[in-house]
Structures are given as structure tokens and as C-alpha cells.
PDB file of N, CA and C in Angstrom:
ATOM      1  N   UNK A   1     -22.335   8.789  15.665  1.00  0.00           N
ATOM      2  CA  UNK A   1     -22.936   7.517  15.347  1.00  0.00           C
ATOM      3  C   UNK A   1     -22.068   6.693  14.399  1.00  0.00           C
ATOM      4  N   UNK A   2     -21.326   7.363  13.521  1.00  0.00           N
ATOM      5  CA  UNK A   2     -20.462   6.664  12.579  1.00  0.00           C
ATOM      6  C   UNK A   2     -19.504   5.754  13.327  1.00  0.00           C
ATOM      7  N   UNK A   3     -18.830   6.299  14.351  1.00  0.00           N
ATOM      8  CA  UNK A   3     -17.837   5.513  15.085  1.00  0.00           C
ATOM      9  C   UNK A   3     -18.488   4.330  15.784  1.00  0.00           C
ATOM     10  N   UNK A   4     -19.668   4.541  16.358  1.00  0.00           N
ATOM     11  CA  UNK A   4     -20.324   3.457  17.092  1.00  0.00           C
ATOM     12  C   UNK A   4     -20.612   2.281  16.154  1.00  0.00           C
ATOM     13  N   UNK A   5     -21.119   2.558  14.965  1.00  0.00           N
ATOM     14  CA  UNK A   5     -21.404   1.491  14.005  1.00  0.00           C
ATOM     15  C   UNK A   5     -20.118   0.835  13.542  1.00  0.00           C
ATOM     16  N   UNK A   6     -19.086   1.627  13.314  1.00  0.00           N
ATOM     17  CA  UNK A   6     -17.800   1.115  12.832  1.00  0.00           C
ATOM     18  C   UNK A   6     -17.150   0.191  13.858  1.00  0.00           C
ATOM     19  N   UNK A   7     -17.109   0.630  15.084  1.00  0.00           N
ATOM     20  CA  UNK A   7     -16.388  -0.093  16.127  1.00  0.00           C
ATOM     21  C   UNK A   7     -17.123  -1.345  16.571  1.00  0.00           C
ATOM     22  N   UNK A   8     -18.448  -1.356  16.499  1.00  0.00           N
ATOM     23  CA  UNK A   8     -19.205  -2.509  16.976  1.00  0.00           C
ATOM     24  C   UNK A   8     -18.862  -3.774  16.199  1.00  0.00           C
ATOM     25  N   UNK A   9     -18.263  -3.638  15.020  1.00  0.00           N
ATOM     26  CA  UNK A   9     -17.858  -4.810  14.251  1.00  0.00           C
ATOM     27  C   UNK A   9     -16.639  -5.499  14.859  1.00  0.00           C
ATOM     28  N   UNK A  10     -15.859  -4.796  15.674  1.00  0.00           N
ATOM     29  CA  UNK A  10     -14.571  -5.310  16.113  1.00  0.00           C
ATOM     30  C   UNK A  10     -14.513  -5.776  17.553  1.00  0.00           C
ATOM     31  N   UNK A  11     -15.310  -5.225  18.431  1.00  0.00           N
ATOM     32  CA  UNK A  11     -15.144  -5.500  19.855  1.00  0.00           C
ATOM     33  C   UNK A  11     -16.498  -5.828  20.477  1.00  0.00           C
ATOM     34  N   UNK A  12     -16.587  -6.918  21.222  1.00  0.00           N
ATOM     35  CA  UNK A  12     -17.793  -7.292  21.949  1.00  0.00           C
ATOM     36  C   UNK A  12     -17.680  -6.755  23.372  1.00  0.00           C
ATOM     37  N   UNK A  13     -18.726  -6.083  23.836  1.00  0.00           N
ATOM     38  CA  UNK A  13     -18.717  -5.542  25.195  1.00  0.00           C
ATOM     39  C   UNK A  13     -20.017  -5.892  25.904  1.00  0.00           C
ATOM     40  N   UNK A  14     -19.995  -5.939  27.251  1.00  0.00           N
ATOM     41  CA  UNK A  14     -21.230  -6.170  27.989  1.00  0.00           C
ATOM     42  C   UNK A  14     -22.182  -4.990  27.794  1.00  0.00           C
ATOM     43  N   UNK A  15     -23.438  -5.175  28.159  1.00  0.00           N
ATOM     44  CA  UNK A  15     -24.424  -4.112  28.000  1.00  0.00           C
ATOM     45  C   UNK A  15     -24.084  -2.907  28.876  1.00  0.00           C
ATOM     46  N   UNK A  16     -23.852  -1.798  28.242  1.00  0.00           N
ATOM     47  CA  UNK A  16     -23.588  -0.520  28.900  1.00  0.00           C
ATOM     48  C   UNK A  16     -24.360   0.532  28.114  1.00  0.00           C
ATOM     49  N   UNK A  17     -24.507   1.725  28.658  1.00  0.00           N
ATOM     50  CA  UNK A  17     -25.091   2.786  27.830  1.00  0.00           C
ATOM     51  C   UNK A  17     -24.283   2.925  26.553  1.00  0.00           C
ATOM     52  N   UNK A  18     -24.939   3.228  25.445  1.00  0.00           N
ATOM     53  CA  UNK A  18     -24.266   3.221  24.143  1.00  0.00           C
ATOM     54  C   UNK A  18     -23.060   4.153  24.089  1.00  0.00           C
ATOM     55  N   UNK A  19     -23.100   5.300  24.762  1.00  0.00           N
ATOM     56  CA  UNK A  19     -21.946   6.198  24.740  1.00  0.00           C
ATOM     57  C   UNK A  19     -20.752   5.581  25.470  1.00  0.00           C
ATOM     58  N   UNK A  20     -20.995   4.870  26.565  1.00  0.00           N
ATOM     59  CA  UNK A  20     -19.911   4.202  27.291  1.00  0.00           C
ATOM     60  C   UNK A  20     -19.343   3.064  26.476  1.00  0.00           C
ATOM     61  N   UNK A  21     -20.217   2.316  25.796  1.00  0.00           N
ATOM     62  CA  UNK A  21     -19.776   1.215  24.949  1.00  0.00           C
ATOM     63  C   UNK A  21     -18.906   1.728  23.812  1.00  0.00           C
ATOM     64  N   UNK A  22     -19.359   2.781  23.160  1.00  0.00           N
ATOM     65  CA  UNK A  22     -18.603   3.348  22.036  1.00  0.00           C
ATOM     66  C   UNK A  22     -17.242   3.835  22.503  1.00  0.00           C
ATOM     67  N   UNK A  23     -17.204   4.468  23.658  1.00  0.00           N
ATOM     68  CA  UNK A  23     -15.928   4.967  24.183  1.00  0.00           C
ATOM     69  C   UNK A  23     -14.950   3.813  24.453  1.00  0.00           C
ATOM     70  N   UNK A  24     -15.440   2.751  25.073  1.00  0.00           N
ATOM     71  CA  UNK A  24     -14.578   1.601  25.365  1.00  0.00           C
ATOM     72  C   UNK A  24     -14.068   0.946  24.084  1.00  0.00           C
ATOM     73  N   UNK A  25     -14.920   0.868  23.080  1.00  0.00           N
ATOM     74  CA  UNK A  25     -14.509   0.278  21.818  1.00  0.00           C
ATOM     75  C   UNK A  25     -13.448   1.139  21.138  1.00  0.00           C
ATOM     76  N   UNK A  26     -13.650   2.442  21.177  1.00  0.00           N
ATOM     77  CA  UNK A  26     -12.642   3.343  20.609  1.00  0.00           C
ATOM     78  C   UNK A  26     -11.320   3.207  21.348  1.00  0.00           C
ATOM     79  N   UNK A  27     -11.374   3.140  22.662  1.00  0.00           N
ATOM     80  CA  UNK A  27     -10.148   2.979  23.441  1.00  0.00           C
ATOM     81  C   UNK A  27      -9.423   1.692  23.059  1.00  0.00           C
ATOM     82  N   UNK A  28     -10.171   0.654  22.711  1.00  0.00           N
ATOM     83  CA  UNK A  28      -9.573  -0.606  22.297  1.00  0.00           C
ATOM     84  C   UNK A  28      -8.843  -0.501  20.967  1.00  0.00           C
ATOM     85  N   UNK A  29      -9.146   0.514  20.192  1.00  0.00           N
ATOM     86  CA  UNK A  29      -8.495   0.706  18.896  1.00  0.00           C
ATOM     87  C   UNK A  29      -7.302   1.653  18.952  1.00  0.00           C
ATOM     88  N   UNK A  30      -7.069   2.266  20.103  1.00  0.00           N
ATOM     89  CA  UNK A  30      -5.927   3.176  20.228  1.00  0.00           C
ATOM     90  C   UNK A  30      -4.621   2.446  19.899  1.00  0.00           C
ATOM     91  N   UNK A  31      -3.749   3.121  19.179  1.00  0.00           N
ATOM     92  CA  UNK A  31      -2.437   2.605  18.777  1.00  0.00           C
ATOM     93  C   UNK A  31      -2.505   1.391  17.850  1.00  0.00           C
ATOM     94  N   UNK A  32      -3.637   1.207  17.197  1.00  0.00           N
ATOM     95  CA  UNK A  32      -3.763   0.151  16.191  1.00  0.00           C
ATOM     96  C   UNK A  32      -3.522   0.783  14.819  1.00  0.00           C
ATOM     97  N   UNK A  33      -2.978  -0.004  13.891  1.00  0.00           N
ATOM     98  CA  UNK A  33      -2.754   0.484  12.532  1.00  0.00           C
ATOM     99  C   UNK A  33      -4.079   0.594  11.805  1.00  0.00           C
ATOM    100  N   UNK A  34      -4.306   1.739  11.177  1.00  0.00           N
ATOM    101  CA  UNK A  34      -5.528   1.986  10.425  1.00  0.00           C
ATOM    102  C   UNK A  34      -5.191   2.479   9.034  1.00  0.00           C
ATOM    103  N   UNK A  35      -6.102   2.155   8.107  1.00  0.00           N
ATOM    104  CA  UNK A  35      -6.015   2.643   6.733  1.00  0.00           C
ATOM    105  C   UNK A  35      -7.276   3.476   6.507  1.00  0.00           C
ATOM    106  N   UNK A  36      -7.077   4.758   6.195  1.00  0.00           N
ATOM    107  CA  UNK A  36      -8.208   5.660   5.987  1.00  0.00           C
ATOM    108  C   UNK A  36      -8.211   6.131   4.539  1.00  0.00           C
ATOM    109  N   UNK A  37      -9.320   5.856   3.851  1.00  0.00           N
ATOM    110  CA  UNK A  37      -9.488   6.340   2.477  1.00  0.00           C
ATOM    111  C   UNK A  37     -10.239   7.653   2.535  1.00  0.00           C
ATOM    112  N   UNK A  38      -9.776   8.604   1.718  1.00  0.00           N
ATOM    113  CA  UNK A  38     -10.341   9.957   1.743  1.00  0.00           C
ATOM    114  C   UNK A  38     -11.089  10.263   0.444  1.00  0.00           C
ATOM    115  N   UNK A  39     -11.918  11.297   0.493  1.00  0.00           N
ATOM    116  CA  UNK A  39     -12.761  11.659  -0.642  1.00  0.00           C
ATOM    117  C   UNK A  39     -11.970  12.017  -1.891  1.00  0.00           C
ATOM    118  N   UNK A  40     -10.737  12.493  -1.740  1.00  0.00           N
ATOM    119  CA  UNK A  40      -9.935  12.885  -2.905  1.00  0.00           C
ATOM    120  C   UNK A  40      -9.131  11.722  -3.484  1.00  0.00           C
ATOM    121  N   UNK A  41      -9.333  10.505  -2.962  1.00  0.00           N
ATOM    122  CA  UNK A  41      -8.666   9.327  -3.495  1.00  0.00           C
ATOM    123  C   UNK A  41      -7.394   8.935  -2.765  1.00  0.00           C
ATOM    124  N   UNK A  42      -6.893   9.798  -1.890  1.00  0.00           N
ATOM    125  CA  UNK A  42      -5.689   9.444  -1.129  1.00  0.00           C
ATOM    126  C   UNK A  42      -6.035   8.427  -0.045  1.00  0.00           C
ATOM    127  N   UNK A  43      -5.018   7.678   0.368  1.00  0.00           N
ATOM    128  CA  UNK A  43      -5.145   6.739   1.479  1.00  0.00           C
ATOM    129  C   UNK A  43      -4.040   7.045   2.476  1.00  0.00           C
ATOM    130  N   UNK A  44      -4.414   7.168   3.744  1.00  0.00           N
ATOM    131  CA  UNK A  44      -3.440   7.383   4.803  1.00  0.00           C
ATOM    132  C   UNK A  44      -3.405   6.142   5.683  1.00  0.00           C
ATOM    133  N   UNK A  45      -2.195   5.722   6.036  1.00  0.00           N
ATOM    134  CA  UNK A  45      -2.002   4.561   6.899  1.00  0.00           C
ATOM    135  C   UNK A  45      -1.161   5.011   8.085  1.00  0.00           C
ATOM    136  N   UNK A  46      -1.621   4.691   9.293  1.00  0.00           N
ATOM    137  CA  UNK A  46      -0.867   5.074  10.480  1.00  0.00           C
ATOM    138  C   UNK A  46      -1.535   4.560  11.739  1.00  0.00           C
ATOM    139  N   UNK A  47      -0.975   4.932  12.882  1.00  0.00           N
ATOM    140  CA  UNK A  47      -1.501   4.513  14.182  1.00  0.00           C
ATOM    141  C   UNK A  47      -2.625   5.436  14.614  1.00  0.00           C
ATOM    142  N   UNK A  48      -3.735   4.856  15.020  1.00  0.00           N
ATOM    143  CA  UNK A  48      -4.879   5.627  15.504  1.00  0.00           C
ATOM    144  C   UNK A  48      -4.543   6.207  16.874  1.00  0.00           C
ATOM    145  N   UNK A  49      -4.507   7.536  16.958  1.00  0.00           N
ATOM    146  CA  UNK A  49      -4.168   8.187  18.225  1.00  0.00           C
ATOM    147  C   UNK A  49      -5.374   8.806  18.917  1.00  0.00           C
ATOM    148  N   UNK A  50      -6.261   9.444  18.150  1.00  0.00           N
ATOM    149  CA  UNK A  50      -7.449  10.022  18.773  1.00  0.00           C
ATOM    150  C   UNK A  50      -8.453  10.468  17.724  1.00  0.00           C
ATOM    151  N   UNK A  51      -9.641  10.797  18.211  1.00  0.00           N
ATOM    152  CA  UNK A  51     -10.712  11.329  17.382  1.00  0.00           C
ATOM    153  C   UNK A  51     -11.506  12.320  18.240  1.00  0.00           C
ATOM    154  N   UNK A  52     -12.474  12.972  17.621  1.00  0.00           N
ATOM    155  CA  UNK A  52     -13.339  13.887  18.369  1.00  0.00           C
ATOM    156  C   UNK A  52     -14.779  13.704  17.917  1.00  0.00           C
ATOM    157  N   UNK A  53     -15.675  14.516  18.452  1.00  0.00           N
ATOM    158  CA  UNK A  53     -17.097  14.348  18.151  1.00  0.00           C
ATOM    159  C   UNK A  53     -17.436  14.625  16.692  1.00  0.00           C
ATOM    160  N   UNK A  54     -16.553  15.300  15.959  1.00  0.00           N
ATOM    161  CA  UNK A  54     -16.783  15.568  14.540  1.00  0.00           C
ATOM    162  C   UNK A  54     -16.170  14.490  13.646  1.00  0.00           C
ATOM    163  N   UNK A  55     -15.694  13.414  14.250  1.00  0.00           N
ATOM    164  CA  UNK A  55     -15.061  12.288  13.549  1.00  0.00           C
ATOM    165  C   UNK A  55     -13.755  12.667  12.871  1.00  0.00           C
ATOM    166  N   UNK A  56     -13.113  13.765  13.292  1.00  0.00           N
ATOM    167  CA  UNK A  56     -11.756  14.046  12.834  1.00  0.00           C
ATOM    168  C   UNK A  56     -10.861  12.979  13.453  1.00  0.00           C
ATOM    169  N   UNK A  57      -9.849  12.550  12.721  1.00  0.00           N
ATOM    170  CA  UNK A  57      -8.977  11.469  13.197  1.00  0.00           C
ATOM    171  C   UNK A  57      -7.536  11.946  13.177  1.00  0.00           C
ATOM    172  N   UNK A  58      -6.785  11.598  14.216  1.00  0.00           N
ATOM    173  CA  UNK A  58      -5.345  11.860  14.267  1.00  0.00           C
ATOM    174  C   UNK A  58      -4.628  10.525  14.117  1.00  0.00           C
ATOM    175  N   UNK A  59      -3.742  10.448  13.123  1.00  0.00           N
ATOM    176  CA  UNK A  59      -2.906   9.266  12.919  1.00  0.00           C
ATOM    177  C   UNK A  59      -1.457   9.634  13.205  1.00  0.00           C
ATOM    178  N   UNK A  60      -0.739   8.754  13.882  1.00  0.00           N
ATOM    179  CA  UNK A  60       0.690   8.926  14.113  1.00  0.00           C
ATOM    180  C   UNK A  60       1.475   8.060  13.149  1.00  0.00           C
ATOM    181  N   UNK A  61       2.706   8.460  12.865  1.00  0.00           N
ATOM    182  CA  UNK A  61       3.564   7.737  11.926  1.00  0.00           C
ATOM    183  C   UNK A  61       2.848   7.468  10.611  1.00  0.00           C
ATOM    184  N   UNK A  62       2.115   8.471  10.153  1.00  0.00           N
ATOM    185  CA  UNK A  62       1.268   8.309   8.970  1.00  0.00           C
ATOM    186  C   UNK A  62       2.070   8.355   7.673  1.00  0.00           C
ATOM    187  N   UNK A  63       1.588   7.566   6.718  1.00  0.00           N
ATOM    188  CA  UNK A  63       2.116   7.582   5.356  1.00  0.00           C
ATOM    189  C   UNK A  63       0.943   7.823   4.416  1.00  0.00           C
ATOM    190  N   UNK A  64       1.206   8.590   3.367  1.00  0.00           N
ATOM    191  CA  UNK A  64       0.174   8.918   2.391  1.00  0.00           C
ATOM    192  C   UNK A  64       0.436   8.161   1.094  1.00  0.00           C
ATOM    193  N   UNK A  65      -0.605   7.542   0.577  1.00  0.00           N
ATOM    194  CA  UNK A  65      -0.539   6.862  -0.711  1.00  0.00           C
ATOM    195  C   UNK A  65      -1.495   7.585  -1.652  1.00  0.00           C
ATOM    196  N   UNK A  66      -0.980   8.031  -2.789  1.00  0.00           N
ATOM    197  CA  UNK A  66      -1.809   8.743  -3.749  1.00  0.00           C
ATOM    198  C   UNK A  66      -2.614   7.759  -4.574  1.00  0.00           C
ATOM    199  N   UNK A  67      -3.754   8.226  -5.056  1.00  0.00           N
ATOM    200  CA  UNK A  67      -4.577   7.400  -5.929  1.00  0.00           C
ATOM    201  C   UNK A  67      -3.795   7.127  -7.202  1.00  0.00           C
ATOM    202  N   UNK A  68      -3.653   5.868  -7.525  1.00  0.00           N
ATOM    203  CA  UNK A  68      -2.867   5.476  -8.683  1.00  0.00           C
ATOM    204  C   UNK A  68      -3.702   5.603  -9.951  1.00  0.00           C
ATOM    205  N   UNK A  69      -3.082   6.133 -11.007  1.00  0.00           N
ATOM    206  CA  UNK A  69      -3.780   6.230 -12.288  1.00  0.00           C
ATOM    207  C   UNK A  69      -3.716   4.910 -13.028  1.00  0.00           C
ATOM    208  N   UNK A  70      -2.779   4.058 -12.651  1.00  0.00           N
ATOM    209  CA  UNK A  70      -2.657   2.755 -13.295  1.00  0.00           C
ATOM    210  C   UNK A  70      -2.769   1.684 -12.212  1.00  0.00           C
ATOM    211  N   UNK A  71      -3.492   0.634 -12.497  1.00  0.00           N
ATOM    212  CA  UNK A  71      -3.832  -0.379 -11.490  1.00  0.00           C
ATOM    213  C   UNK A  71      -2.629  -1.116 -10.931  1.00  0.00           C
ATOM    214  N   UNK A  72      -1.503  -1.142 -11.656  1.00  0.00           N
ATOM    215  CA  UNK A  72      -0.388  -1.975 -11.240  1.00  0.00           C
ATOM    216  C   UNK A  72       0.619  -1.246 -10.356  1.00  0.00           C
ATOM    217  N   UNK A  73       0.644   0.068 -10.394  1.00  0.00           N
ATOM    218  CA  UNK A  73       1.644   0.772  -9.590  1.00  0.00           C
ATOM    219  C   UNK A  73       0.971   1.497  -8.434  1.00  0.00           C
ATOM    220  N   UNK A  74       1.442   1.249  -7.254  1.00  0.00           N
ATOM    221  CA  UNK A  74       0.923   1.922  -6.061  1.00  0.00           C
ATOM    222  C   UNK A  74       1.752   3.165  -5.763  1.00  0.00           C
ATOM    223  N   UNK A  75       2.993   3.213  -6.232  1.00  0.00           N
ATOM    224  CA  UNK A  75       3.840   4.364  -5.982  1.00  0.00           C
ATOM    225  C   UNK A  75       4.466   4.317  -4.605  1.00  0.00           C
ATOM    226  N   UNK A  76       5.416   5.200  -4.401  1.00  0.00           N
ATOM    227  CA  UNK A  76       6.093   5.299  -3.107  1.00  0.00           C
ATOM    228  C   UNK A  76       5.228   6.101  -2.138  1.00  0.00           C
ATOM    229  N   UNK A  77       5.147   5.658  -0.887  1.00  0.00           N
ATOM    230  CA  UNK A  77       4.387   6.444   0.094  1.00  0.00           C
ATOM    231  C   UNK A  77       5.150   7.702   0.475  1.00  0.00           C
ATOM    232  N   UNK A  78       4.404   8.725   0.843  1.00  0.00           N
ATOM    233  CA  UNK A  78       5.006   9.950   1.359  1.00  0.00           C
ATOM    234  C   UNK A  78       4.844   9.918   2.874  1.00  0.00           C
ATOM    235  N   UNK A  79       5.939  10.086   3.595  1.00  0.00           N
ATOM    236  CA  UNK A  79       5.899  10.058   5.061  1.00  0.00           C
ATOM    237  C   UNK A  79       5.387  11.393   5.567  1.00  0.00           C
ATOM    238  N   UNK A  80       4.311  11.346   6.353  1.00  0.00           N
ATOM    239  CA  UNK A  80       3.706  12.556   6.906  1.00  0.00           C
ATOM    240  C   UNK A  80       4.018  12.739   8.381  1.00  0.00           C
ATOM    241  N   UNK A  81       4.194  11.654   9.104  1.00  0.00           N
ATOM    242  CA  UNK A  81       4.357  11.752  10.558  1.00  0.00           C
ATOM    243  C   UNK A  81       2.997  11.840  11.210  1.00  0.00           C
ATOM    244  N   UNK A  82       2.724  12.934  11.907  1.00  0.00           N
ATOM    245  CA  UNK A  82       1.438  13.143  12.568  1.00  0.00           C
ATOM    246  C   UNK A  82       0.486  13.797  11.577  1.00  0.00           C
ATOM    247  N   UNK A  83      -0.699  13.208  11.402  1.00  0.00           N
ATOM    248  CA  UNK A  83      -1.645  13.733  10.414  1.00  0.00           C
ATOM    249  C   UNK A  83      -3.040  13.823  11.009  1.00  0.00           C
ATOM    250  N   UNK A  84      -3.746  14.902  10.670  1.00  0.00           N
ATOM    251  CA  UNK A  84      -5.141  15.072  11.065  1.00  0.00           C
ATOM    252  C   UNK A  84      -6.003  14.946   9.824  1.00  0.00           C
ATOM    253  N   UNK A  85      -6.979  14.052   9.858  1.00  0.00           N
ATOM    254  CA  UNK A  85      -7.895  13.852   8.744  1.00  0.00           C
ATOM    255  C   UNK A  85      -9.256  14.391   9.165  1.00  0.00           C
ATOM    256  N   UNK A  86      -9.755  15.414   8.469  1.00  0.00           N
ATOM    257  CA  UNK A  86     -11.095  15.934   8.801  1.00  0.00           C
ATOM    258  C   UNK A  86     -12.154  14.857   8.580  1.00  0.00           C
ATOM    259  N   UNK A  87     -13.074  14.737   9.508  1.00  0.00           N
ATOM    260  CA  UNK A  87     -14.098  13.705   9.441  1.00  0.00           C
ATOM    261  C   UNK A  87     -14.915  13.729   8.167  1.00  0.00           C
ATOM    262  N   UNK A  88     -15.168  14.915   7.625  1.00  0.00           N
ATOM    263  CA  UNK A  88     -15.991  14.993   6.414  1.00  0.00           C
ATOM    264  C   UNK A  88     -15.251  14.518   5.167  1.00  0.00           C
ATOM    265  N   UNK A  89     -13.942  14.246   5.270  1.00  0.00           N
ATOM    266  CA  UNK A  89     -13.171  13.714   4.144  1.00  0.00           C
ATOM    267  C   UNK A  89     -12.972  12.200   4.229  1.00  0.00           C
ATOM    268  N   UNK A  90     -13.416  11.583   5.317  1.00  0.00           N
ATOM    269  CA  UNK A  90     -13.236  10.142   5.511  1.00  0.00           C
ATOM    270  C   UNK A  90     -14.293   9.381   4.708  1.00  0.00           C
ATOM    271  N   UNK A  91     -13.817   8.477   3.844  1.00  0.00           N
ATOM    272  CA  UNK A  91     -14.716   7.609   3.083  1.00  0.00           C
ATOM    273  C   UNK A  91     -14.833   6.257   3.767  1.00  0.00           C
ATOM    274  N   UNK A  92     -13.688   5.683   4.174  1.00  0.00           N
ATOM    275  CA  UNK A  92     -13.718   4.396   4.864  1.00  0.00           C
ATOM    276  C   UNK A  92     -12.517   4.283   5.790  1.00  0.00           C
ATOM    277  N   UNK A  93     -12.684   3.440   6.803  1.00  0.00           N
ATOM    278  CA  UNK A  93     -11.621   3.180   7.774  1.00  0.00           C
ATOM    279  C   UNK A  93     -11.501   1.675   7.926  1.00  0.00           C
ATOM    280  N   UNK A  94     -10.275   1.181   7.837  1.00  0.00           N
ATOM    281  CA  UNK A  94     -10.015  -0.243   8.057  1.00  0.00           C
ATOM    282  C   UNK A  94      -8.963  -0.362   9.144  1.00  0.00           C
ATOM    283  N   UNK A  95      -9.148  -1.352  10.015  1.00  0.00           N
ATOM    284  CA  UNK A  95      -8.162  -1.633  11.053  1.00  0.00           C
ATOM    285  C   UNK A  95      -7.387  -2.862  10.610  1.00  0.00           C
ATOM    286  N   UNK A  96      -6.064  -2.795  10.719  1.00  0.00           N
ATOM    287  CA  UNK A  96      -5.227  -3.919  10.319  1.00  0.00           C
ATOM    288  C   UNK A  96      -5.577  -5.146  11.143  1.00  0.00           C
ATOM    289  N   UNK A  97      -5.758  -6.279  10.482  1.00  0.00           N
ATOM    290  CA  UNK A  97      -6.160  -7.520  11.160  1.00  0.00           C
ATOM    291  C   UNK A  97      -5.151  -7.926  12.230  1.00  0.00           C
ATOM    292  N   UNK A  98      -3.852  -7.739  11.966  1.00  0.00           N
ATOM    293  CA  UNK A  98      -2.823  -8.105  12.954  1.00  0.00           C
ATOM    294  C   UNK A  98      -3.007  -7.321  14.244  1.00  0.00           C
ATOM    295  N   UNK A  99      -3.362  -6.050  14.132  1.00  0.00           N
ATOM    296  CA  UNK A  99      -3.562  -5.215  15.310  1.00  0.00           C
ATOM    297  C   UNK A  99      -4.712  -5.737  16.157  1.00  0.00           C
ATOM    298  N   UNK A 100      -5.803  -6.141  15.505  1.00  0.00           N
ATOM    299  CA  UNK A 100      -6.952  -6.657  16.239  1.00  0.00           C
ATOM    300  C   UNK A 100      -6.651  -8.000  16.864  1.00  0.00           C
ATOM    301  N   UNK A 101      -5.918  -8.841  16.173  1.00  0.00           N
ATOM    302  CA  UNK A 101      -5.572 -10.165  16.699  1.00  0.00           C
ATOM    303  C   UNK A 101      -4.755 -10.034  17.976  1.00  0.00           C
ATOM    304  N   UNK A 102      -3.825  -9.073  18.026  1.00  0.00           N
ATOM    305  CA  UNK A 102      -3.026  -8.848  19.228  1.00  0.00           C
ATOM    306  C   UNK A 102      -3.921  -8.499  20.401  1.00  0.00           C
ATOM    307  N   UNK A 103      -4.886  -7.612  20.181  1.00  0.00           N
ATOM    308  CA  UNK A 103      -5.788  -7.186  21.248  1.00  0.00           C
ATOM    309  C   UNK A 103      -6.580  -8.369  21.778  1.00  0.00           C
ATOM    310  N   UNK A 104      -7.135  -9.182  20.877  1.00  0.00           N
ATOM    311  CA  UNK A 104      -7.955 -10.308  21.304  1.00  0.00           C
ATOM    312  C   UNK A 104      -7.129 -11.376  21.989  1.00  0.00           C
ATOM    313  N   UNK A 105      -5.890 -11.595  21.571  1.00  0.00           N
ATOM    314  CA  UNK A 105      -5.069 -12.635  22.193  1.00  0.00           C
ATOM    315  C   UNK A 105      -4.612 -12.248  23.592  1.00  0.00           C
ATOM    316  N   UNK A 106      -4.581 -10.956  23.887  1.00  0.00           N
ATOM    317  CA  UNK A 106      -4.194 -10.512  25.231  1.00  0.00           C
ATOM    318  C   UNK A 106      -5.405 -10.259  26.120  1.00  0.00           C
ATOM    319  N   UNK A 107      -6.572 -10.689  25.672  1.00  0.00           N
ATOM    320  CA  UNK A 107      -7.765 -10.603  26.534  1.00  0.00           C
ATOM    321  C   UNK A 107      -8.431  -9.249  26.508  1.00  0.00           C
ATOM    322  N   UNK A 108      -8.379  -8.532  25.408  1.00  0.00           N
ATOM    323  CA  UNK A 108      -9.090  -7.266  25.306  1.00  0.00           C
ATOM    324  C   UNK A 108      -8.193  -6.086  25.532  1.00  0.00           C
ATOM    325  N   UNK A 109      -8.826  -4.956  25.839  1.00  0.00           N
ATOM    326  CA  UNK A 109      -8.059  -3.723  26.014  1.00  0.00           C
ATOM    327  C   UNK A 109      -7.352  -3.719  27.350  1.00  0.00           C
ATOM    328  N   UNK A 110      -6.460  -2.744  27.517  1.00  0.00           N
ATOM    329  CA  UNK A 110      -5.568  -2.627  28.663  1.00  0.00           C
ATOM    330  C   UNK A 110      -6.337  -2.839  29.914  1.00  0.00           C
TER     331      UNK A 110
END
């Protein structure tokens, strides 16, 4: 249910069964840049590659940003490459606006 609520903010679809709608919306987010905040304060940024029923997320070309102790320094990102984020550690997910704009300007998903 988390994904369905999250994705409905980004993509408008015709009336379909909710599971079909959620799947199509998720497919529309494939290969889009995402920022995922985790319970331990870290933030991972990378390409959304896949998820599963437990809301685990796989990001490609991922970079990790540590929680900064001082508001002015973000620090250098650590390159992770392929990363799996357990669903129970996800606090928030943001999709980069540029990624969504590309999808909408080309008339939706593939």
C-alpha cells in the first residue's frame, strides 16, 4: 500500500484495478533518479531499478550521503554502485523533478 499511495502523486492513469494501476505507476518510475532517506539518517541517491512486495528497493549507481552533524557541510558522497535498501529502513522517497518532467514530456511511460 505504501507504494500505491506514493506513486499516485506522480502519474495519472485510467481506471484499472488498483494492483494494475500501482504496477503501471511503478513501471513509470523505473530508471528515474530517487533520493531515499533511511531510519539511521543516511540518504541514498540513485536510479530506481526495482522493488518487491516488502518495499525493498534496489538503486543503481547509488551514492550514500551521511547525516551531517553540522548544517553547512554535506560531506563527500560515498559511491556504492548497486544498493539494496530494506523496506523497513525507508523513511521517505523523493523522485527527482527532472526525471518526472522527461516522462511527462514524452507522453508517459514507454
